[in-house]
């Protein structure tokens, strides 16, 4: 699935976020407004490249639940 949307709220296209419930979204869809009640209460945060390496090492997969986009891996 290709994502043709632009990043929202001044975020970068490569950014991927998750919350404490395990929901994963890219910066182009379904991301709550940073600083909003939803952002704060659900504890949204960026999945950093370091986190991505650890997730890969453990055999996990990260993809946006909204569009299916997988972040680029830089190694």
C-alpha atoms as a PDB file:
ATOM      1  CA  UNK A   1       0.000   0.000   0.000  1.00  0.00           C
ATOM      2  CA  UNK A   2       1.560   3.315  -0.976  1.00  0.00           C
ATOM      3  CA  UNK A   3       1.007   6.399   1.136  1.00  0.00           C
ATOM      4  CA  UNK A   4       0.556   9.546  -0.932  1.00  0.00           C
ATOM      5  CA  UNK A   5      -0.471  11.836   1.928  1.00  0.00           C
ATOM      6  CA  UNK A   6       1.787  14.545   3.277  1.00  0.00           C
ATOM      7  CA  UNK A   7       2.968  14.518   6.881  1.00  0.00           C
ATOM      8  CA  UNK A   8       0.694  16.316   9.301  1.00  0.00           C
ATOM      9  CA  UNK A   9       1.412  18.975  11.935  1.00  0.00           C
ATOM     10  CA  UNK A  10       4.886  19.811  10.597  1.00  0.00           C
ATOM     11  CA  UNK A  11       6.201  16.304  11.220  1.00  0.00           C
ATOM     12  CA  UNK A  12       8.561  14.475   8.844  1.00  0.00           C
ATOM     13  CA  UNK A  13       7.421  11.717   6.462  1.00  0.00           C
ATOM     14  CA  UNK A  14       9.862   9.174   7.901  1.00  0.00           C
ATOM     15  CA  UNK A  15       8.520   9.512  11.462  1.00  0.00           C
ATOM     16  CA  UNK A  16       6.473   6.695  12.980  1.00  0.00           C
ATOM     17  CA  UNK A  17       4.721   6.907  16.350  1.00  0.00           C
ATOM     18  CA  UNK A  18       3.165   4.543  18.863  1.00  0.00           C
ATOM     19  CA  UNK A  19       1.186   4.826  22.039  1.00  0.00           C
ATOM     20  CA  UNK A  20       1.066   2.860  25.264  1.00  0.00           C
ATOM     21  CA  UNK A  21      -1.670   0.604  23.830  1.00  0.00           C
ATOM     22  CA  UNK A  22       0.582  -0.451  20.960  1.00  0.00           C
ATOM     23  CA  UNK A  23      -1.123   1.488  18.169  1.00  0.00           C
ATOM     24  CA  UNK A  24       1.349   2.481  15.431  1.00  0.00           C
ATOM     25  CA  UNK A  25       0.836   5.283  12.914  1.00  0.00           C
ATOM     26  CA  UNK A  26       3.009   7.262  10.517  1.00  0.00           C
ATOM     27  CA  UNK A  27       3.144  11.060  10.476  1.00  0.00           C
ATOM     28  CA  UNK A  28       0.804  11.102   7.455  1.00  0.00           C
ATOM     29  CA  UNK A  29      -2.350   9.579   8.920  1.00  0.00           C
ATOM     30  CA  UNK A  30      -4.273   9.085  12.139  1.00  0.00           C
ATOM     31  CA  UNK A  31      -1.685  10.788  14.331  1.00  0.00           C
ATOM     32  CA  UNK A  32      -3.301  12.866  17.080  1.00  0.00           C
ATOM     33  CA  UNK A  33      -2.312  16.505  17.319  1.00  0.00           C
ATOM     34  CA  UNK A  34       0.926  16.716  19.363  1.00  0.00           C
ATOM     35  CA  UNK A  35       0.172  18.144  22.789  1.00  0.00           C
ATOM     36  CA  UNK A  36      -3.557  17.356  22.596  1.00  0.00           C
ATOM     37  CA  UNK A  37      -5.355  15.463  25.353  1.00  0.00           C
ATOM     38  CA  UNK A  38      -5.301  12.311  23.192  1.00  0.00           C
ATOM     39  CA  UNK A  39      -1.555  12.691  22.585  1.00  0.00           C
ATOM     40  CA  UNK A  40      -0.864  13.132  26.300  1.00  0.00           C
ATOM     41  CA  UNK A  41      -3.317  10.613  27.787  1.00  0.00           C
ATOM     42  CA  UNK A  42      -2.427   7.839  25.347  1.00  0.00           C
ATOM     43  CA  UNK A  43       1.285   8.656  25.732  1.00  0.00           C
ATOM     44  CA  UNK A  44       2.185   8.921  22.048  1.00  0.00           C
ATOM     45  CA  UNK A  45       5.886   9.018  21.212  1.00  0.00           C
ATOM     46  CA  UNK A  46       8.120   8.640  18.182  1.00  0.00           C
ATOM     47  CA  UNK A  47       9.631   5.259  17.437  1.00  0.00           C
ATOM     48  CA  UNK A  48      13.275   6.294  17.187  1.00  0.00           C
ATOM     49  CA  UNK A  49      15.823   4.608  14.910  1.00  0.00           C
ATOM     50  CA  UNK A  50      17.356   3.022  18.024  1.00  0.00           C
ATOM     51  CA  UNK A  51      13.977   1.576  19.033  1.00  0.00           C
ATOM     52  CA  UNK A  52      13.498   0.330  15.463  1.00  0.00           C
ATOM     53  CA  UNK A  53      16.808  -1.579  15.616  1.00  0.00           C
ATOM     54  CA  UNK A  54      15.734  -3.241  18.856  1.00  0.00           C
ATOM     55  CA  UNK A  55      12.297  -4.140  17.454  1.00  0.00           C
ATOM     56  CA  UNK A  56      13.978  -5.650  14.361  1.00  0.00           C
ATOM     57  CA  UNK A  57      16.401  -7.581  16.570  1.00  0.00           C
ATOM     58  CA  UNK A  58      13.481  -9.094  18.460  1.00  0.00           C
ATOM     59  CA  UNK A  59      11.765 -10.111  15.209  1.00  0.00           C
ATOM     60  CA  UNK A  60       9.005  -7.502  15.369  1.00  0.00           C
ATOM     61  CA  UNK A  61       7.485  -5.528  12.533  1.00  0.00           C
ATOM     62  CA  UNK A  62       6.521  -1.860  12.472  1.00  0.00           C
ATOM     63  CA  UNK A  63       3.922  -0.646   9.983  1.00  0.00           C
ATOM     64  CA  UNK A  64       1.337   2.123  10.087  1.00  0.00           C
ATOM     65  CA  UNK A  65      -2.108   0.827  10.993  1.00  0.00           C
ATOM     66  CA  UNK A  66      -3.695   3.529   8.837  1.00  0.00           C
ATOM     67  CA  UNK A  67      -1.918   3.047   5.516  1.00  0.00           C
ATOM     68  CA  UNK A  68       0.414   0.064   5.935  1.00  0.00           C
ATOM     69  CA  UNK A  69       3.543   2.151   5.351  1.00  0.00           C
ATOM     70  CA  UNK A  70       6.725   0.669   6.771  1.00  0.00           C
ATOM     71  CA  UNK A  71       9.427   3.134   7.804  1.00  0.00           C
ATOM     72  CA  UNK A  72      12.723   3.173   5.924  1.00  0.00           C
ATOM     73  CA  UNK A  73      15.482   1.317   7.693  1.00  0.00           C
ATOM     74  CA  UNK A  74      18.833   3.065   7.847  1.00  0.00           C
ATOM     75  CA  UNK A  75      21.747   0.837   8.773  1.00  0.00           C
END
